[in-house]
Amino acid sequence: MQDYLAFMSKWAPQESPRDSNAVTAFLAGQAFEYVVRRAGNELTRENLLRQATTLRDVKLKMFLPGVTLNNSPESYTAFRRYQLSRFDGTSWKPFGPVYNAD
C-alpha cells in the first residue's frame, strides 16, 4: 500500500487513491513491466506475447497472500485465484481460503 500511495502522490496527486480504476492501472502497469523485463532485449511482438501468455505465480504489489497471475497461450485469463473479503466498517479483511477458478 505504501508504494501505491507514494506512486499516486507523486504521479497522480489530483486523483483519489481510493478510485478502483487507479488501483487497476497501478497493477496493470506492474504486470506490463514484468512482461517487458522478462522479454529482455528481444522486444518483438512474438516474444512479448509469449512472455505475456505464460505467467506463472506472478505476485504483484497489493495482491493478497496466495493471489497470483497465471495464464497460458490457450487461456489469457490471468486472474485464476480469488480471496473473499469483508468490510468491517474500517477496512476490507480477507477471510476463508483462496479460491482457484480452474
PDB file of N, CA and C in Angstrom:
ATOM      1  N   MET A   1       0.816  -1.195   0.000  1.00  0.00           N
ATOM      2  CA  MET A   1       0.000   0.000   0.000  1.00  0.00           C
ATOM      3  C   MET A   1       0.857   1.255   0.000  1.00  0.00           C
ATOM      4  N   GLN A   2       1.963   1.202   0.763  1.00  0.00           N
ATOM      5  CA  GLN A   2       2.826   2.382   0.853  1.00  0.00           C
ATOM      6  C   GLN A   2       3.392   2.755  -0.514  1.00  0.00           C
ATOM      7  N   ASP A   3       3.812   1.754  -1.296  1.00  0.00           N
ATOM      8  CA  ASP A   3       4.328   2.033  -2.647  1.00  0.00           C
ATOM      9  C   ASP A   3       3.247   2.644  -3.523  1.00  0.00           C
ATOM     10  N   TYR A   4       2.047   2.095  -3.436  1.00  0.00           N
ATOM     11  CA  TYR A   4       0.932   2.603  -4.231  1.00  0.00           C
ATOM     12  C   TYR A   4       0.607   4.048  -3.851  1.00  0.00           C
ATOM     13  N   LEU A   5       0.489   4.317  -2.562  1.00  0.00           N
ATOM     14  CA  LEU A   5       0.158   5.670  -2.118  1.00  0.00           C
ATOM     15  C   LEU A   5       1.255   6.662  -2.495  1.00  0.00           C
ATOM     16  N   ALA A   6       2.520   6.241  -2.403  1.00  0.00           N
ATOM     17  CA  ALA A   6       3.630   7.114  -2.809  1.00  0.00           C
ATOM     18  C   ALA A   6       3.569   7.378  -4.317  1.00  0.00           C
ATOM     19  N   PHE A   7       3.272   6.341  -5.092  1.00  0.00           N
ATOM     20  CA  PHE A   7       3.131   6.487  -6.538  1.00  0.00           C
ATOM     21  C   PHE A   7       2.024   7.487  -6.874  1.00  0.00           C
ATOM     22  N   MET A   8       0.875   7.313  -6.243  1.00  0.00           N
ATOM     23  CA  MET A   8      -0.259   8.209  -6.504  1.00  0.00           C
ATOM     24  C   MET A   8       0.064   9.642  -6.095  1.00  0.00           C
ATOM     25  N   SER A   9       0.726   9.796  -4.988  1.00  0.00           N
ATOM     26  CA  SER A   9       1.087  11.131  -4.510  1.00  0.00           C
ATOM     27  C   SER A   9       2.029  11.836  -5.486  1.00  0.00           C
ATOM     28  N   LYS A  10       2.965  11.062  -6.047  1.00  0.00           N
ATOM     29  CA  LYS A  10       3.951  11.651  -6.963  1.00  0.00           C
ATOM     30  C   LYS A  10       3.397  11.861  -8.369  1.00  0.00           C
ATOM     31  N   TRP A  11       2.725  10.842  -8.928  1.00  0.00           N
ATOM     32  CA  TRP A  11       2.361  10.858 -10.336  1.00  0.00           C
ATOM     33  C   TRP A  11       0.916  11.246 -10.630  1.00  0.00           C
ATOM     34  N   ALA A  12       0.041  11.152  -9.629  1.00  0.00           N
ATOM     35  CA  ALA A  12      -1.364  11.500  -9.859  1.00  0.00           C
ATOM     36  C   ALA A  12      -1.959  12.127  -8.609  1.00  0.00           C
ATOM     37  N   PRO A  13      -1.359  13.220  -8.146  1.00  0.00           N
ATOM     38  CA  PRO A  13      -1.808  13.802  -6.877  1.00  0.00           C
ATOM     39  C   PRO A  13      -3.248  14.336  -6.923  1.00  0.00           C
ATOM     40  N   GLN A  14      -3.757  14.620  -8.110  1.00  0.00           N
ATOM     41  CA  GLN A  14      -5.121  15.135  -8.231  1.00  0.00           C
ATOM     42  C   GLN A  14      -6.152  14.015  -8.204  1.00  0.00           C
ATOM     43  N   GLU A  15      -5.721  12.763  -8.283  1.00  0.00           N
ATOM     44  CA  GLU A  15      -6.630  11.613  -8.309  1.00  0.00           C
ATOM     45  C   GLU A  15      -6.772  10.992  -6.923  1.00  0.00           C
ATOM     46  N   SER A  16      -7.891  10.383  -6.681  1.00  0.00           N
ATOM     47  CA  SER A  16      -8.129   9.702  -5.407  1.00  0.00           C
ATOM     48  C   SER A  16      -7.482   8.324  -5.429  1.00  0.00           C
ATOM     49  N   PRO A  17      -6.645   8.003  -4.449  1.00  0.00           N
ATOM     50  CA  PRO A  17      -6.072   6.658  -4.397  1.00  0.00           C
ATOM     51  C   PRO A  17      -7.122   5.584  -4.099  1.00  0.00           C
ATOM     52  N   ARG A  18      -8.313   6.010  -3.697  1.00  0.00           N
ATOM     53  CA  ARG A  18      -9.403   5.059  -3.434  1.00  0.00           C
ATOM     54  C   ARG A  18     -10.156   4.671  -4.707  1.00  0.00           C
ATOM     55  N   ASP A  19      -9.856   5.325  -5.806  1.00  0.00           N
ATOM     56  CA  ASP A  19     -10.503   5.031  -7.083  1.00  0.00           C
ATOM     57  C   ASP A  19     -10.035   3.659  -7.574  1.00  0.00           C
ATOM     58  N   SER A  20     -10.963   2.739  -7.774  1.00  0.00           N
ATOM     59  CA  SER A  20     -10.596   1.387  -8.202  1.00  0.00           C
ATOM     60  C   SER A  20      -9.917   1.381  -9.566  1.00  0.00           C
ATOM     61  N   ASN A  21     -10.212   2.386 -10.402  1.00  0.00           N
ATOM     62  CA  ASN A  21      -9.530   2.485 -11.693  1.00  0.00           C
ATOM     63  C   ASN A  21      -8.039   2.756 -11.509  1.00  0.00           C
ATOM     64  N   ALA A  22      -7.691   3.537 -10.501  1.00  0.00           N
ATOM     65  CA  ALA A  22      -6.286   3.832 -10.227  1.00  0.00           C
ATOM     66  C   ALA A  22      -5.565   2.574  -9.751  1.00  0.00           C
ATOM     67  N   VAL A  23      -6.211   1.810  -8.903  1.00  0.00           N
ATOM     68  CA  VAL A  23      -5.621   0.553  -8.426  1.00  0.00           C
ATOM     69  C   VAL A  23      -5.413  -0.399  -9.604  1.00  0.00           C
ATOM     70  N   THR A  24      -6.424  -0.528 -10.448  1.00  0.00           N
ATOM     71  CA  THR A  24      -6.332  -1.401 -11.618  1.00  0.00           C
ATOM     72  C   THR A  24      -5.188  -0.973 -12.529  1.00  0.00           C
ATOM     73  N   ALA A  25      -5.064   0.321 -12.774  1.00  0.00           N
ATOM     74  CA  ALA A  25      -3.996   0.835 -13.630  1.00  0.00           C
ATOM     75  C   ALA A  25      -2.620   0.584 -13.003  1.00  0.00           C
ATOM     76  N   PHE A  26      -2.513   0.752 -11.689  1.00  0.00           N
ATOM     77  CA  PHE A  26      -1.255   0.507 -10.988  1.00  0.00           C
ATOM     78  C   PHE A  26      -0.838  -0.960 -11.149  1.00  0.00           C
ATOM     79  N   LEU A  27      -1.774  -1.875 -10.979  1.00  0.00           N
ATOM     80  CA  LEU A  27      -1.477  -3.298 -11.128  1.00  0.00           C
ATOM     81  C   LEU A  27      -1.180  -3.658 -12.586  1.00  0.00           C
ATOM     82  N   ALA A  28      -1.923  -3.084 -13.518  1.00  0.00           N
ATOM     83  CA  ALA A  28      -1.672  -3.352 -14.942  1.00  0.00           C
ATOM     84  C   ALA A  28      -0.288  -2.869 -15.343  1.00  0.00           C
ATOM     85  N   GLY A  29       0.119  -1.726 -14.810  1.00  0.00           N
ATOM     86  CA  GLY A  29       1.471  -1.218 -15.075  1.00  0.00           C
ATOM     87  C   GLY A  29       2.538  -2.159 -14.551  1.00  0.00           C
ATOM     88  N   GLN A  30       2.312  -2.722 -13.375  1.00  0.00           N
ATOM     89  CA  GLN A  30       3.270  -3.677 -12.820  1.00  0.00           C
ATOM     90  C   GLN A  30       3.349  -4.931 -13.689  1.00  0.00           C
ATOM     91  N   ALA A  31       2.194  -5.415 -14.145  1.00  0.00           N
ATOM     92  CA  ALA A  31       2.165  -6.601 -14.994  1.00  0.00           C
ATOM     93  C   ALA A  31       2.890  -6.326 -16.308  1.00  0.00           C
ATOM     94  N   PHE A  32       2.662  -5.149 -16.878  1.00  0.00           N
ATOM     95  CA  PHE A  32       3.341  -4.774 -18.114  1.00  0.00           C
ATOM     96  C   PHE A  32       4.853  -4.720 -17.908  1.00  0.00           C
ATOM     97  N   GLU A  33       5.279  -4.110 -16.823  1.00  0.00           N
ATOM     98  CA  GLU A  33       6.711  -4.046 -16.515  1.00  0.00           C
ATOM     99  C   GLU A  33       7.302  -5.446 -16.373  1.00  0.00           C
ATOM    100  N   TYR A  34       6.585  -6.327 -15.697  1.00  0.00           N
ATOM    101  CA  TYR A  34       7.059  -7.708 -15.515  1.00  0.00           C
ATOM    102  C   TYR A  34       7.277  -8.381 -16.870  1.00  0.00           C
ATOM    103  N   VAL A  35       6.305  -8.248 -17.768  1.00  0.00           N
ATOM    104  CA  VAL A  35       6.387  -8.873 -19.087  1.00  0.00           C
ATOM    105  C   VAL A  35       7.553  -8.300 -19.891  1.00  0.00           C
ATOM    106  N   VAL A  36       7.711  -6.986 -19.887  1.00  0.00           N
ATOM    107  CA  VAL A  36       8.791  -6.353 -20.655  1.00  0.00           C
ATOM    108  C   VAL A  36      10.154  -6.770 -20.097  1.00  0.00           C
ATOM    109  N   ARG A  37      10.291  -6.828 -18.794  1.00  0.00           N
ATOM    110  CA  ARG A  37      11.559  -7.283 -18.201  1.00  0.00           C
ATOM    111  C   ARG A  37      11.861  -8.728 -18.577  1.00  0.00           C
ATOM    112  N   ARG A  38      10.826  -9.572 -18.551  1.00  0.00           N
ATOM    113  CA  ARG A  38      11.019 -10.973 -18.943  1.00  0.00           C
ATOM    114  C   ARG A  38      11.414 -11.099 -20.410  1.00  0.00           C
ATOM    115  N   ALA A  39      10.932 -10.198 -21.235  1.00  0.00           N
ATOM    116  CA  ALA A  39      11.255 -10.236 -22.667  1.00  0.00           C
ATOM    117  C   ALA A  39      12.707  -9.876 -22.927  1.00  0.00           C
ATOM    118  N   GLY A  40      13.331  -9.172 -21.978  1.00  0.00           N
ATOM    119  CA  GLY A  40      14.735  -8.802 -22.150  1.00  0.00           C
ATOM    120  C   GLY A  40      14.932  -7.867 -23.322  1.00  0.00           C
ATOM    121  N   ASN A  41      15.961  -8.126 -24.102  1.00  0.00           N
ATOM    122  CA  ASN A  41      16.270  -7.270 -25.252  1.00  0.00           C
ATOM    123  C   ASN A  41      15.514  -7.680 -26.515  1.00  0.00           C
ATOM    124  N   GLU A  42      14.761  -8.775 -26.447  1.00  0.00           N
ATOM    125  CA  GLU A  42      14.005  -9.242 -27.607  1.00  0.00           C
ATOM    126  C   GLU A  42      12.572  -8.716 -27.522  1.00  0.00           C
ATOM    127  N   LEU A  43      12.406  -7.441 -27.879  1.00  0.00           N
ATOM    128  CA  LEU A  43      11.106  -6.783 -27.764  1.00  0.00           C
ATOM    129  C   LEU A  43      10.286  -6.912 -29.039  1.00  0.00           C
ATOM    130  N   THR A  44      10.194  -8.139 -29.519  1.00  0.00           N
ATOM    131  CA  THR A  44       9.362  -8.400 -30.699  1.00  0.00           C
ATOM    132  C   THR A  44       7.940  -8.705 -30.248  1.00  0.00           C
ATOM    133  N   ARG A  45       6.996  -8.565 -31.160  1.00  0.00           N
ATOM    134  CA  ARG A  45       5.610  -8.884 -30.840  1.00  0.00           C
ATOM    135  C   ARG A  45       5.488 -10.332 -30.379  1.00  0.00           C
ATOM    136  N   GLU A  46       6.174 -11.239 -31.078  1.00  0.00           N
ATOM    137  CA  GLU A  46       6.089 -12.659 -30.761  1.00  0.00           C
ATOM    138  C   GLU A  46       6.615 -12.945 -29.351  1.00  0.00           C
ATOM    139  N   ASN A  47       7.754 -12.371 -28.989  1.00  0.00           N
ATOM    140  CA  ASN A  47       8.323 -12.633 -27.675  1.00  0.00           C
ATOM    141  C   ASN A  47       7.501 -11.981 -26.565  1.00  0.00           C
ATOM    142  N   LEU A  48       7.042 -10.758 -26.796  1.00  0.00           N
ATOM    143  CA  LEU A  48       6.199 -10.112 -25.783  1.00  0.00           C
ATOM    144  C   LEU A  48       4.916 -10.911 -25.546  1.00  0.00           C
ATOM    145  N   LEU A  49       4.307 -11.400 -26.627  1.00  0.00           N
ATOM    146  CA  LEU A  49       3.100 -12.213 -26.489  1.00  0.00           C
ATOM    147  C   LEU A  49       3.417 -13.522 -25.759  1.00  0.00           C
ATOM    148  N   ARG A  50       4.554 -14.137 -26.078  1.00  0.00           N
ATOM    149  CA  ARG A  50       4.960 -15.375 -25.401  1.00  0.00           C
ATOM    150  C   ARG A  50       5.135 -15.132 -23.898  1.00  0.00           C
ATOM    151  N   GLN A  51       5.787 -14.034 -23.546  1.00  0.00           N
ATOM    152  CA  GLN A  51       6.004 -13.718 -22.130  1.00  0.00           C
ATOM    153  C   GLN A  51       4.698 -13.380 -21.423  1.00  0.00           C
ATOM    154  N   ALA A  52       3.820 -12.664 -22.120  1.00  0.00           N
ATOM    155  CA  ALA A  52       2.551 -12.233 -21.518  1.00  0.00           C
ATOM    156  C   ALA A  52       1.554 -13.368 -21.362  1.00  0.00           C
ATOM    157  N   THR A  53       1.742 -14.455 -22.109  1.00  0.00           N
ATOM    158  CA  THR A  53       0.776 -15.563 -22.055  1.00  0.00           C
ATOM    159  C   THR A  53       1.342 -16.804 -21.368  1.00  0.00           C
ATOM    160  N   THR A  54       2.427 -16.636 -20.635  1.00  0.00           N
ATOM    161  CA  THR A  54       2.993 -17.757 -19.875  1.00  0.00           C
ATOM    162  C   THR A  54       3.333 -17.300 -18.458  1.00  0.00           C
ATOM    163  N   LEU A  55       2.433 -16.567 -17.858  1.00  0.00           N
ATOM    164  CA  LEU A  55       2.649 -16.094 -16.491  1.00  0.00           C
ATOM    165  C   LEU A  55       2.423 -17.248 -15.521  1.00  0.00           C
ATOM    166  N   ARG A  56       3.349 -17.421 -14.584  1.00  0.00           N
ATOM    167  CA  ARG A  56       3.251 -18.488 -13.591  1.00  0.00           C
ATOM    168  C   ARG A  56       3.507 -17.921 -12.204  1.00  0.00           C
ATOM    169  N   ASP A  57       2.482 -17.916 -11.385  1.00  0.00           N
ATOM    170  CA  ASP A  57       2.589 -17.493  -9.988  1.00  0.00           C
ATOM    171  C   ASP A  57       3.233 -16.119  -9.822  1.00  0.00           C
ATOM    172  N   VAL A  58       2.828 -15.176 -10.665  1.00  0.00           N
ATOM    173  CA  VAL A  58       3.342 -13.806 -10.604  1.00  0.00           C
ATOM    174  C   VAL A  58       2.605 -13.053  -9.502  1.00  0.00           C
ATOM    175  N   LYS A  59       3.346 -12.580  -8.529  1.00  0.00           N
ATOM    176  CA  LYS A  59       2.779 -11.836  -7.396  1.00  0.00           C
ATOM    177  C   LYS A  59       3.058 -10.367  -7.619  1.00  0.00           C
ATOM    178  N   LEU A  60       2.013  -9.558  -7.680  1.00  0.00           N
ATOM    179  CA  LEU A  60       2.158  -8.123  -7.825  1.00  0.00           C
ATOM    180  C   LEU A  60       1.905  -7.457  -6.477  1.00  0.00           C
ATOM    181  N   LYS A  61       2.444  -6.257  -6.327  1.00  0.00           N
ATOM    182  CA  LYS A  61       2.193  -5.495  -5.110  1.00  0.00           C
ATOM    183  C   LYS A  61       0.692  -5.292  -4.964  1.00  0.00           C
ATOM    184  N   MET A  62       0.218  -5.316  -3.753  1.00  0.00           N
ATOM    185  CA  MET A  62      -1.186  -5.124  -3.393  1.00  0.00           C
ATOM    186  C   MET A  62      -2.018  -6.387  -3.529  1.00  0.00           C
ATOM    187  N   PHE A  63      -1.476  -7.473  -4.066  1.00  0.00           N
ATOM    188  CA  PHE A  63      -2.223  -8.727  -4.100  1.00  0.00           C
ATOM    189  C   PHE A  63      -2.275  -9.298  -2.690  1.00  0.00           C
ATOM    190  N   LEU A  64      -3.373  -9.919  -2.360  1.00  0.00           N
ATOM    191  CA  LEU A  64      -3.482 -10.609  -1.088  1.00  0.00           C
ATOM    192  C   LEU A  64      -2.608 -11.863  -1.127  1.00  0.00           C
ATOM    193  N   PRO A  65      -2.173 -12.353   0.022  1.00  0.00           N
ATOM    194  CA  PRO A  65      -1.365 -13.580   0.040  1.00  0.00           C
ATOM    195  C   PRO A  65      -2.081 -14.728  -0.675  1.00  0.00           C
ATOM    196  N   GLY A  66      -1.342 -15.436  -1.516  1.00  0.00           N
ATOM    197  CA  GLY A  66      -1.896 -16.564  -2.254  1.00  0.00           C
ATOM    198  C   GLY A  66      -2.510 -16.207  -3.587  1.00  0.00           C
ATOM    199  N   VAL A  67      -2.695 -14.926  -3.872  1.00  0.00           N
ATOM    200  CA  VAL A  67      -3.279 -14.492  -5.144  1.00  0.00           C
ATOM    201  C   VAL A  67      -2.139 -14.146  -6.095  1.00  0.00           C
ATOM    202  N   THR A  68      -2.126 -14.809  -7.235  1.00  0.00           N
ATOM    203  CA  THR A  68      -1.071 -14.610  -8.233  1.00  0.00           C
ATOM    204  C   THR A  68      -1.687 -14.603  -9.627  1.00  0.00           C
ATOM    205  N   LEU A  69      -0.887 -14.223 -10.617  1.00  0.00           N
ATOM    206  CA  LEU A  69      -1.312 -14.268 -12.013  1.00  0.00           C
ATOM    207  C   LEU A  69      -0.802 -15.561 -12.643  1.00  0.00           C
ATOM    208  N   ASN A  70      -1.685 -16.240 -13.361  1.00  0.00           N
ATOM    209  CA  ASN A  70      -1.336 -17.462 -14.087  1.00  0.00           C
ATOM    210  C   ASN A  70      -2.163 -17.505 -15.359  1.00  0.00           C
ATOM    211  N   ASN A  71      -1.514 -17.775 -16.482  1.00  0.00           N
ATOM    212  CA  ASN A  71      -2.256 -17.918 -17.729  1.00  0.00           C
ATOM    213  C   ASN A  71      -1.487 -18.833 -18.674  1.00  0.00           C
ATOM    214  N   SER A  72      -2.003 -18.975 -19.891  1.00  0.00           N
ATOM    215  CA  SER A  72      -1.360 -19.817 -20.895  1.00  0.00           C
ATOM    216  C   SER A  72      -1.758 -19.301 -22.268  1.00  0.00           C
ATOM    217  N   PRO A  73      -1.078 -19.759 -23.309  1.00  0.00           N
ATOM    218  CA  PRO A  73      -1.479 -19.355 -24.660  1.00  0.00           C
ATOM    219  C   PRO A  73      -2.907 -19.800 -25.004  1.00  0.00           C
ATOM    220  N   GLU A  74      -3.397 -20.838 -24.339  1.00  0.00           N
ATOM    221  CA  GLU A  74      -4.756 -21.315 -24.584  1.00  0.00           C
ATOM    222  C   GLU A  74      -5.800 -20.525 -23.795  1.00  0.00           C
ATOM    223  N   SER A  75      -5.387 -19.916 -22.687  1.00  0.00           N
ATOM    224  CA  SER A  75      -6.316 -19.145 -21.859  1.00  0.00           C
ATOM    225  C   SER A  75      -5.601 -17.904 -21.335  1.00  0.00           C
ATOM    226  N   TYR A  76      -5.967 -16.749 -21.870  1.00  0.00           N
ATOM    227  CA  TYR A  76      -5.307 -15.499 -21.489  1.00  0.00           C
ATOM    228  C   TYR A  76      -5.737 -14.979 -20.120  1.00  0.00           C
ATOM    229  N   THR A  77      -6.782 -15.556 -19.551  1.00  0.00           N
ATOM    230  CA  THR A  77      -7.265 -15.106 -18.250  1.00  0.00           C
ATOM    231  C   THR A  77      -6.176 -15.303 -17.204  1.00  0.00           C
ATOM    232  N   ALA A  78      -5.708 -14.214 -16.621  1.00  0.00           N
ATOM    233  CA  ALA A  78      -4.585 -14.294 -15.685  1.00  0.00           C
ATOM    234  C   ALA A  78      -5.031 -14.399 -14.231  1.00  0.00           C
ATOM    235  N   PHE A  79      -6.205 -13.862 -13.920  1.00  0.00           N
ATOM    236  CA  PHE A  79      -6.700 -13.944 -12.549  1.00  0.00           C
ATOM    237  C   PHE A  79      -7.457 -15.260 -12.396  1.00  0.00           C
ATOM    238  N   ARG A  80      -6.860 -16.200 -11.704  1.00  0.00           N
ATOM    239  CA  ARG A  80      -7.465 -17.510 -11.502  1.00  0.00           C
ATOM    240  C   ARG A  80      -7.628 -17.844 -10.029  1.00  0.00           C
ATOM    241  N   ARG A  81      -7.082 -17.008  -9.176  1.00  0.00           N
ATOM    242  CA  ARG A  81      -7.208 -17.220  -7.736  1.00  0.00           C
ATOM    243  C   ARG A  81      -7.850 -15.995  -7.109  1.00  0.00           C
ATOM    244  N   TYR A  82      -8.770 -16.250  -6.198  1.00  0.00           N
ATOM    245  CA  TYR A  82      -9.542 -15.167  -5.606  1.00  0.00           C
ATOM    246  C   TYR A  82      -9.623 -15.325  -4.095  1.00  0.00           C
ATOM    247  N   GLN A  83      -9.684 -14.219  -3.406  1.00  0.00           N
ATOM    248  CA  GLN A  83      -9.818 -14.202  -1.948  1.00  0.00           C
ATOM    249  C   GLN A  83     -11.038 -13.363  -1.591  1.00  0.00           C
ATOM    250  N   LEU A  84     -11.953 -13.929  -0.846  1.00  0.00           N
ATOM    251  CA  LEU A  84     -13.114 -13.175  -0.394  1.00  0.00           C
ATOM    252  C   LEU A  84     -12.685 -12.208   0.703  1.00  0.00           C
ATOM    253  N   SER A  85     -13.338 -11.061   0.752  1.00  0.00           N
ATOM    254  CA  SER A  85     -13.044 -10.047   1.764  1.00  0.00           C
ATOM    255  C   SER A  85     -14.356  -9.509   2.308  1.00  0.00           C
ATOM    256  N   ARG A  86     -14.299  -9.041   3.527  1.00  0.00           N
ATOM    257  CA  ARG A  86     -15.483  -8.487   4.192  1.00  0.00           C
ATOM    258  C   ARG A  86     -15.103  -7.130   4.770  1.00  0.00           C
ATOM    259  N   PHE A  87     -15.960  -6.132   4.558  1.00  0.00           N
ATOM    260  CA  PHE A  87     -15.715  -4.801   5.102  1.00  0.00           C
ATOM    261  C   PHE A  87     -16.135  -4.785   6.564  1.00  0.00           C
ATOM    262  N   ASP A  88     -15.222  -4.387   7.460  1.00  0.00           N
ATOM    263  CA  ASP A  88     -15.523  -4.399   8.899  1.00  0.00           C
ATOM    264  C   ASP A  88     -15.900  -3.029   9.443  1.00  0.00           C
ATOM    265  N   GLY A  89     -16.201  -2.095   8.549  1.00  0.00           N
ATOM    266  CA  GLY A  89     -16.534  -0.738   8.959  1.00  0.00           C
ATOM    267  C   GLY A  89     -15.358   0.210   8.815  1.00  0.00           C
ATOM    268  N   THR A  90     -14.166  -0.340   8.727  1.00  0.00           N
ATOM    269  CA  THR A  90     -12.950   0.461   8.575  1.00  0.00           C
ATOM    270  C   THR A  90     -12.165   0.058   7.336  1.00  0.00           C
ATOM    271  N   SER A  91     -11.990  -1.248   7.149  1.00  0.00           N
ATOM    272  CA  SER A  91     -11.214  -1.737   6.014  1.00  0.00           C
ATOM    273  C   SER A  91     -11.708  -3.124   5.602  1.00  0.00           C
ATOM    274  N   TRP A  92     -11.199  -3.598   4.474  1.00  0.00           N
ATOM    275  CA  TRP A  92     -11.564  -4.917   3.972  1.00  0.00           C
ATOM    276  C   TRP A  92     -10.642  -5.955   4.594  1.00  0.00           C
ATOM    277  N   LYS A  93     -11.231  -7.008   5.129  1.00  0.00           N
ATOM    278  CA  LYS A  93     -10.477  -8.092   5.773  1.00  0.00           C
ATOM    279  C   LYS A  93     -10.712  -9.390   4.999  1.00  0.00           C
ATOM    280  N   PRO A  94      -9.618 -10.027   4.528  1.00  0.00           N
ATOM    281  CA  PRO A  94      -9.791 -11.301   3.834  1.00  0.00           C
ATOM    282  C   PRO A  94     -10.269 -12.383   4.805  1.00  0.00           C
ATOM    283  N   PHE A  95     -11.037 -13.340   4.287  1.00  0.00           N
ATOM    284  CA  PHE A  95     -11.475 -14.462   5.108  1.00  0.00           C
ATOM    285  C   PHE A  95     -11.616 -15.693   4.223  1.00  0.00           C
ATOM    286  N   GLY A  96     -11.545 -16.848   4.830  1.00  0.00           N
ATOM    287  CA  GLY A  96     -11.705 -18.102   4.099  1.00  0.00           C
ATOM    288  C   GLY A  96     -10.502 -18.422   3.240  1.00  0.00           C
ATOM    289  N   PRO A  97     -10.622 -19.498   2.482  1.00  0.00           N
ATOM    290  CA  PRO A  97      -9.498 -19.929   1.634  1.00  0.00           C
ATOM    291  C   PRO A  97      -9.359 -19.072   0.393  1.00  0.00           C
ATOM    292  N   VAL A  98      -8.214 -19.203  -0.265  1.00  0.00           N
ATOM    293  CA  VAL A  98      -8.023 -18.618  -1.590  1.00  0.00           C
ATOM    294  C   VAL A  98      -8.635 -19.618  -2.579  1.00  0.00           C
ATOM    295  N   TYR A  99      -9.566 -19.145  -3.399  1.00  0.00           N
ATOM    296  CA  TYR A  99     -10.256 -20.000  -4.339  1.00  0.00           C
ATOM    297  C   TYR A  99      -9.545 -20.001  -5.680  1.00  0.00           C
ATOM    298  N   ASN A 100      -9.506 -21.159  -6.324  1.00  0.00           N
ATOM    299  CA  ASN A 100      -8.912 -21.302  -7.632  1.00  0.00           C
ATOM    300  C   ASN A 100     -10.032 -21.448  -8.654  1.00  0.00           C
ATOM    301  N   ALA A 101      -9.998 -20.677  -9.730  1.00  0.00           N
ATOM    302  CA  ALA A 101     -11.063 -20.676 -10.722  1.00  0.00           C
ATOM    303  C   ALA A 101     -10.960 -21.835 -11.716  1.00  0.00           C
ATOM    304  N   ASP A 102      -9.890 -22.597 -11.649  1.00  0.00           N
ATOM    305  CA  ASP A 102      -9.727 -23.707 -12.615  1.00  0.00           C
ATOM    306  C   ASP A 102     -10.519 -24.912 -12.271  1.00  0.00           C
TER     307      ASP A 102
END
